[in-house]
PDB file of N, CA and C in Angstrom:
ATOM      1  N   MET A   1    -198.241   8.334  19.449  1.00  0.00           N
ATOM      2  CA  MET A   1    -197.718   8.141  18.104  1.00  0.00           C
ATOM      3  C   MET A   1    -198.329   9.193  17.174  1.00  0.00           C
ATOM      4  N   SER A   2    -197.518   9.818  16.366  1.00  0.00           N
ATOM      5  CA  SER A   2    -197.983  10.829  15.418  1.00  0.00           C
ATOM      6  C   SER A   2    -198.708  10.189  14.246  1.00  0.00           C
ATOM      7  N   LYS A   3    -199.578  10.975  13.622  1.00  0.00           N
ATOM      8  CA  LYS A   3    -200.245  10.513  12.424  1.00  0.00           C
ATOM      9  C   LYS A   3    -200.567  11.710  11.543  1.00  0.00           C
ATOM     10  N   ALA A   4    -200.726  11.450  10.259  1.00  0.00           N
ATOM     11  CA  ALA A   4    -201.085  12.494   9.310  1.00  0.00           C
ATOM     12  C   ALA A   4    -202.600  12.558   9.193  1.00  0.00           C
ATOM     13  N   ILE A   5    -203.111  13.771   9.173  1.00  0.00           N
ATOM     14  CA  ILE A   5    -204.545  14.007   9.033  1.00  0.00           C
ATOM     15  C   ILE A   5    -204.774  14.727   7.711  1.00  0.00           C
ATOM     16  N   VAL A   6    -205.799  14.312   6.972  1.00  0.00           N
ATOM     17  CA  VAL A   6    -206.122  14.899   5.669  1.00  0.00           C
ATOM     18  C   VAL A   6    -207.361  15.783   5.784  1.00  0.00           C
ATOM     19  N   ARG A   7    -207.312  16.914   5.122  1.00  0.00           N
ATOM     20  CA  ARG A   7    -208.489  17.774   4.977  1.00  0.00           C
ATOM     21  C   ARG A   7    -208.902  17.697   3.507  1.00  0.00           C
ATOM     22  N   PRO A   8    -209.762  16.740   3.144  1.00  0.00           N
ATOM     23  CA  PRO A   8    -210.098  16.496   1.739  1.00  0.00           C
ATOM     24  C   PRO A   8    -210.735  17.677   1.025  1.00  0.00           C
ATOM     25  N   GLU A   9    -211.399  18.554   1.761  1.00  0.00           N
ATOM     26  CA  GLU A   9    -212.041  19.709   1.132  1.00  0.00           C
ATOM     27  C   GLU A   9    -211.024  20.703   0.565  1.00  0.00           C
ATOM     28  N   ARG A  10    -209.786  20.627   1.014  1.00  0.00           N
ATOM     29  CA  ARG A  10    -208.733  21.518   0.512  1.00  0.00           C
ATOM     30  C   ARG A  10    -207.973  20.934  -0.678  1.00  0.00           C
ATOM     31  N   CYS A  11    -208.114  19.651  -0.904  1.00  0.00           N
ATOM     32  CA  CYS A  11    -207.310  18.947  -1.905  1.00  0.00           C
ATOM     33  C   CYS A  11    -207.671  19.360  -3.331  1.00  0.00           C
ATOM     34  N   GLN A  12    -206.638  19.708  -4.111  1.00  0.00           N
ATOM     35  CA  GLN A  12    -206.798  20.076  -5.521  1.00  0.00           C
ATOM     36  C   GLN A  12    -206.445  18.911  -6.453  1.00  0.00           C
ATOM     37  N   GLY A  13    -206.027  17.781  -5.881  1.00  0.00           N
ATOM     38  CA  GLY A  13    -205.719  16.604  -6.680  1.00  0.00           C
ATOM     39  C   GLY A  13    -204.411  16.676  -7.450  1.00  0.00           C
ATOM     40  N   CYS A  14    -203.447  17.456  -6.970  1.00  0.00           N
ATOM     41  CA  CYS A  14    -202.167  17.601  -7.691  1.00  0.00           C
ATOM     42  C   CYS A  14    -201.317  16.330  -7.629  1.00  0.00           C
ATOM     43  N   ARG A  15    -201.507  15.524  -6.605  1.00  0.00           N
ATOM     44  CA  ARG A  15    -200.836  14.240  -6.415  1.00  0.00           C
ATOM     45  C   ARG A  15    -199.355  14.343  -6.076  1.00  0.00           C
ATOM     46  N   TYR A  16    -198.884  15.516  -5.718  1.00  0.00           N
ATOM     47  CA  TYR A  16    -197.492  15.652  -5.280  1.00  0.00           C
ATOM     48  C   TYR A  16    -197.230  14.775  -4.062  1.00  0.00           C
ATOM     49  N   CYS A  17    -198.201  14.708  -3.173  1.00  0.00           N
ATOM     50  CA  CYS A  17    -198.052  13.933  -1.944  1.00  0.00           C
ATOM     51  C   CYS A  17    -197.899  12.436  -2.222  1.00  0.00           C
ATOM     52  N   ILE A  18    -198.606  11.953  -3.229  1.00  0.00           N
ATOM     53  CA  ILE A  18    -198.517  10.528  -3.578  1.00  0.00           C
ATOM     54  C   ILE A  18    -197.092  10.189  -3.998  1.00  0.00           C
ATOM     55  N   LYS A  19    -196.494  11.052  -4.811  1.00  0.00           N
ATOM     56  CA  LYS A  19    -195.119  10.839  -5.267  1.00  0.00           C
ATOM     57  C   LYS A  19    -194.117  10.987  -4.128  1.00  0.00           C
ATOM     58  N   ALA A  20    -194.410  11.857  -3.159  1.00  0.00           N
ATOM     59  CA  ALA A  20    -193.477  12.137  -2.063  1.00  0.00           C
ATOM     60  C   ALA A  20    -193.514  11.101  -0.947  1.00  0.00           C
ATOM     61  N   CYS A  21    -194.608  10.380  -0.811  1.00  0.00           N
ATOM     62  CA  CYS A  21    -194.762   9.451   0.315  1.00  0.00           C
ATOM     63  C   CYS A  21    -193.825   8.242   0.181  1.00  0.00           C
ATOM     64  N   PRO A  22    -192.891   8.069   1.121  1.00  0.00           N
ATOM     65  CA  PRO A  22    -191.942   6.960   1.021  1.00  0.00           C
ATOM     66  C   PRO A  22    -192.558   5.585   1.295  1.00  0.00           C
ATOM     67  N   LYS A  23    -193.722   5.554   1.884  1.00  0.00           N
ATOM     68  CA  LYS A  23    -194.372   4.289   2.241  1.00  0.00           C
ATOM     69  C   LYS A  23    -195.548   3.936   1.338  1.00  0.00           C
ATOM     70  N   GLY A  24    -195.874   4.788   0.375  1.00  0.00           N
ATOM     71  CA  GLY A  24    -197.010   4.515  -0.499  1.00  0.00           C
ATOM     72  C   GLY A  24    -198.330   4.513   0.245  1.00  0.00           C
ATOM     73  N   ALA A  25    -198.433   5.358   1.268  1.00  0.00           N
ATOM     74  CA  ALA A  25    -199.615   5.371   2.131  1.00  0.00           C
ATOM     75  C   ALA A  25    -200.734   6.274   1.618  1.00  0.00           C
ATOM     76  N   ILE A  26    -200.479   7.031   0.552  1.00  0.00           N
ATOM     77  CA  ILE A  26    -201.462   7.999   0.073  1.00  0.00           C
ATOM     78  C   ILE A  26    -201.991   7.579  -1.284  1.00  0.00           C
ATOM     79  N   SER A  27    -203.306   7.677  -1.444  1.00  0.00           N
ATOM     80  CA  SER A  27    -203.940   7.337  -2.721  1.00  0.00           C
ATOM     81  C   SER A  27    -205.119   8.277  -2.971  1.00  0.00           C
ATOM     82  N   ILE A  28    -205.619   8.238  -4.188  1.00  0.00           N
ATOM     83  CA  ILE A  28    -206.764   9.052  -4.593  1.00  0.00           C
ATOM     84  C   ILE A  28    -208.044   8.262  -4.314  1.00  0.00           C
ATOM     85  N   VAL A  29    -209.082   8.943  -3.829  1.00  0.00           N
ATOM     86  CA  VAL A  29    -210.377   8.298  -3.616  1.00  0.00           C
ATOM     87  C   VAL A  29    -211.293   8.567  -4.811  1.00  0.00           C
ATOM     88  N   SER A  30    -212.297   7.777  -4.974  1.00  0.00           N
ATOM     89  CA  SER A  30    -213.195   7.930  -6.119  1.00  0.00           C
ATOM     90  C   SER A  30    -214.259   9.002  -5.911  1.00  0.00           C
ATOM     91  N   GLU A  31    -214.595   9.304  -4.642  1.00  0.00           N
ATOM     92  CA  GLU A  31    -215.595  10.334  -4.367  1.00  0.00           C
ATOM     93  C   GLU A  31    -215.004  11.718  -4.625  1.00  0.00           C
ATOM     94  N   LEU A  32    -215.848  12.626  -5.052  1.00  0.00           N
ATOM     95  CA  LEU A  32    -215.408  13.990  -5.311  1.00  0.00           C
ATOM     96  C   LEU A  32    -215.585  14.856  -4.063  1.00  0.00           C
ATOM     97  N   ASN A  33    -214.675  15.830  -3.892  1.00  0.00           N
ATOM     98  CA  ASN A  33    -214.846  16.772  -2.791  1.00  0.00           C
ATOM     99  C   ASN A  33    -215.785  17.890  -3.243  1.00  0.00           C
ATOM    100  N   LYS A  34    -215.971  18.907  -2.407  1.00  0.00           N
ATOM    101  CA  LYS A  34    -216.915  19.988  -2.720  1.00  0.00           C
ATOM    102  C   LYS A  34    -216.514  20.785  -3.953  1.00  0.00           C
ATOM    103  N   LYS A  35    -215.236  20.713  -4.321  1.00  0.00           N
ATOM    104  CA  LYS A  35    -214.742  21.412  -5.505  1.00  0.00           C
ATOM    105  C   LYS A  35    -214.880  20.576  -6.775  1.00  0.00           C
ATOM    106  N   GLY A  36    -215.386  19.350  -6.639  1.00  0.00           N
ATOM    107  CA  GLY A  36    -215.544  18.456  -7.777  1.00  0.00           C
ATOM    108  C   GLY A  36    -214.263  17.746  -8.162  1.00  0.00           C
ATOM    109  N   LEU A  37    -213.313  17.667  -7.233  1.00  0.00           N
ATOM    110  CA  LEU A  37    -212.019  17.025  -7.475  1.00  0.00           C
ATOM    111  C   LEU A  37    -211.894  15.765  -6.632  1.00  0.00           C
ATOM    112  N   GLN A  38    -211.031  14.868  -7.060  1.00  0.00           N
ATOM    113  CA  GLN A  38    -210.794  13.642  -6.306  1.00  0.00           C
ATOM    114  C   GLN A  38    -209.692  13.892  -5.275  1.00  0.00           C
ATOM    115  N   PRO A  39    -210.039  13.895  -3.992  1.00  0.00           N
ATOM    116  CA  PRO A  39    -209.030  14.135  -2.956  1.00  0.00           C
ATOM    117  C   PRO A  39    -208.234  12.875  -2.623  1.00  0.00           C
ATOM    118  N   VAL A  40    -207.234  13.059  -1.797  1.00  0.00           N
ATOM    119  CA  VAL A  40    -206.404  11.937  -1.368  1.00  0.00           C
ATOM    120  C   VAL A  40    -206.886  11.403  -0.024  1.00  0.00           C
ATOM    121  N   VAL A  41    -206.446  10.195   0.271  1.00  0.00           N
ATOM    122  CA  VAL A  41    -206.718   9.552   1.551  1.00  0.00           C
ATOM    123  C   VAL A  41    -205.420   8.887   2.002  1.00  0.00           C
ATOM    124  N   ILE A  42    -205.247   8.775   3.320  1.00  0.00           N
ATOM    125  CA  ILE A  42    -204.051   8.150   3.880  1.00  0.00           C
ATOM    126  C   ILE A  42    -204.407   6.812   4.498  1.00  0.00           C
ATOM    127  N   ASP A  43    -203.616   5.791   4.179  1.00  0.00           N
ATOM    128  CA  ASP A  43    -203.722   4.495   4.833  1.00  0.00           C
ATOM    129  C   ASP A  43    -202.913   4.611   6.124  1.00  0.00           C
ATOM    130  N   GLN A  44    -203.592   4.752   7.246  1.00  0.00           N
ATOM    131  CA  GLN A  44    -202.929   4.981   8.531  1.00  0.00           C
ATOM    132  C   GLN A  44    -202.056   3.805   8.964  1.00  0.00           C
ATOM    133  N   GLU A  45    -202.322   2.627   8.432  1.00  0.00           N
ATOM    134  CA  GLU A  45    -201.493   1.458   8.756  1.00  0.00           C
ATOM    135  C   GLU A  45    -200.104   1.587   8.135  1.00  0.00           C
ATOM    136  N   LYS A  46    -200.010   2.235   6.981  1.00  0.00           N
ATOM    137  CA  LYS A  46    -198.731   2.410   6.294  1.00  0.00           C
ATOM    138  C   LYS A  46    -198.024   3.706   6.681  1.00  0.00           C
ATOM    139  N   CYS A  47    -198.786   4.709   7.098  1.00  0.00           N
ATOM    140  CA  CYS A  47    -198.244   6.041   7.373  1.00  0.00           C
ATOM    141  C   CYS A  47    -197.286   6.027   8.558  1.00  0.00           C
ATOM    142  N   ILE A  48    -196.119   6.670   8.374  1.00  0.00           N
ATOM    143  CA  ILE A  48    -195.138   6.791   9.456  1.00  0.00           C
ATOM    144  C   ILE A  48    -195.031   8.237   9.954  1.00  0.00           C
ATOM    145  N   ALA A  49    -195.929   9.100   9.495  1.00  0.00           N
ATOM    146  CA  ALA A  49    -195.982  10.510   9.908  1.00  0.00           C
ATOM    147  C   ALA A  49    -194.649  11.217   9.699  1.00  0.00           C
ATOM    148  N   CYS A  50    -194.028  10.964   8.557  1.00  0.00           N
ATOM    149  CA  CYS A  50    -192.723  11.563   8.263  1.00  0.00           C
ATOM    150  C   CYS A  50    -192.830  13.030   7.861  1.00  0.00           C
ATOM    151  N   GLY A  51    -194.012  13.458   7.400  1.00  0.00           N
ATOM    152  CA  GLY A  51    -194.229  14.843   7.025  1.00  0.00           C
ATOM    153  C   GLY A  51    -193.923  15.171   5.576  1.00  0.00           C
ATOM    154  N   ALA A  52    -193.547  14.194   4.774  1.00  0.00           N
ATOM    155  CA  ALA A  52    -193.241  14.458   3.366  1.00  0.00           C
ATOM    156  C   ALA A  52    -194.462  15.035   2.647  1.00  0.00           C
ATOM    157  N   CYS A  53    -195.628  14.537   2.928  1.00  0.00           N
ATOM    158  CA  CYS A  53    -196.858  15.037   2.307  1.00  0.00           C
ATOM    159  C   CYS A  53    -197.116  16.483   2.714  1.00  0.00           C
ATOM    160  N   TYR A  54    -196.906  16.762   3.978  1.00  0.00           N
ATOM    161  CA  TYR A  54    -197.093  18.116   4.522  1.00  0.00           C
ATOM    162  C   TYR A  54    -196.159  19.113   3.834  1.00  0.00           C
ATOM    163  N   ILE A  55    -194.935  18.713   3.618  1.00  0.00           N
ATOM    164  CA  ILE A  55    -193.924  19.589   3.025  1.00  0.00           C
ATOM    165  C   ILE A  55    -194.239  19.925   1.568  1.00  0.00           C
ATOM    166  N   VAL A  56    -194.666  18.939   0.775  1.00  0.00           N
ATOM    167  CA  VAL A  56    -194.861  19.177  -0.666  1.00  0.00           C
ATOM    168  C   VAL A  56    -196.233  19.725  -1.023  1.00  0.00           C
ATOM    169  N   CYS A  57    -197.192  19.654  -0.133  1.00  0.00           N
ATOM    170  CA  CYS A  57    -198.564  20.052  -0.468  1.00  0.00           C
ATOM    171  C   CYS A  57    -198.718  21.572  -0.552  1.00  0.00           C
ATOM    172  N   PRO A  58    -199.112  22.086  -1.724  1.00  0.00           N
ATOM    173  CA  PRO A  58    -199.300  23.525  -1.871  1.00  0.00           C
ATOM    174  C   PRO A  58    -200.633  24.031  -1.317  1.00  0.00           C
ATOM    175  N   ASP A  59    -201.528  23.114  -0.945  1.00  0.00           N
ATOM    176  CA  ASP A  59    -202.878  23.495  -0.532  1.00  0.00           C
ATOM    177  C   ASP A  59    -203.167  23.265   0.951  1.00  0.00           C
ATOM    178  N   TYR A  60    -202.162  22.974   1.730  1.00  0.00           N
ATOM    179  CA  TYR A  60    -202.307  22.788   3.183  1.00  0.00           C
ATOM    180  C   TYR A  60    -203.366  21.732   3.532  1.00  0.00           C
ATOM    181  N   VAL A  61    -203.297  20.616   2.819  1.00  0.00           N
ATOM    182  CA  VAL A  61    -204.243  19.520   3.013  1.00  0.00           C
ATOM    183  C   VAL A  61    -203.889  18.694   4.259  1.00  0.00           C
ATOM    184  N   PHE A  62    -202.609  18.626   4.613  1.00  0.00           N
ATOM    185  CA  PHE A  62    -202.141  17.709   5.651  1.00  0.00           C
ATOM    186  C   PHE A  62    -201.777  18.418   6.950  1.00  0.00           C
ATOM    187  N   GLU A  63    -201.950  17.669   8.035  1.00  0.00           N
ATOM    188  CA  GLU A  63    -201.516  18.093   9.359  1.00  0.00           C
ATOM    189  C   GLU A  63    -200.898  16.877  10.003  1.00  0.00           C
ATOM    190  N   ILE A  64    -199.775  17.069  10.672  1.00  0.00           N
ATOM    191  CA  ILE A  64    -199.149  15.974  11.415  1.00  0.00           C
ATOM    192  C   ILE A  64    -199.493  16.205  12.876  1.00  0.00           C
ATOM    193  N   ALA A  65    -200.219  15.256  13.460  1.00  0.00           N
ATOM    194  CA  ALA A  65    -200.720  15.410  14.823  1.00  0.00           C
ATOM    195  C   ALA A  65    -200.135  14.340  15.737  1.00  0.00           C
ATOM    196  N   GLU A  66    -200.016  14.689  16.979  1.00  0.00           N
ATOM    197  CA  GLU A  66    -199.518  13.749  18.009  1.00  0.00           C
ATOM    198  C   GLU A  66    -200.613  12.784  18.375  1.00  0.00           C
TER     199      GLU A  66
END
């Protein structure tokens, strides 16, 4: 089964992925990344690995893996 993987160190906090996710599986975390920004996290229980987050992300935060 495929799943989306997040690289929080790349996240700029634009939140495009949150708006694009059809299942509401993506949210912002309270901890800051190395850039001092709040990265996103994926709820793997809700994620269907559709790739919407991967498509809209300008910072290459997401990977869809088998």
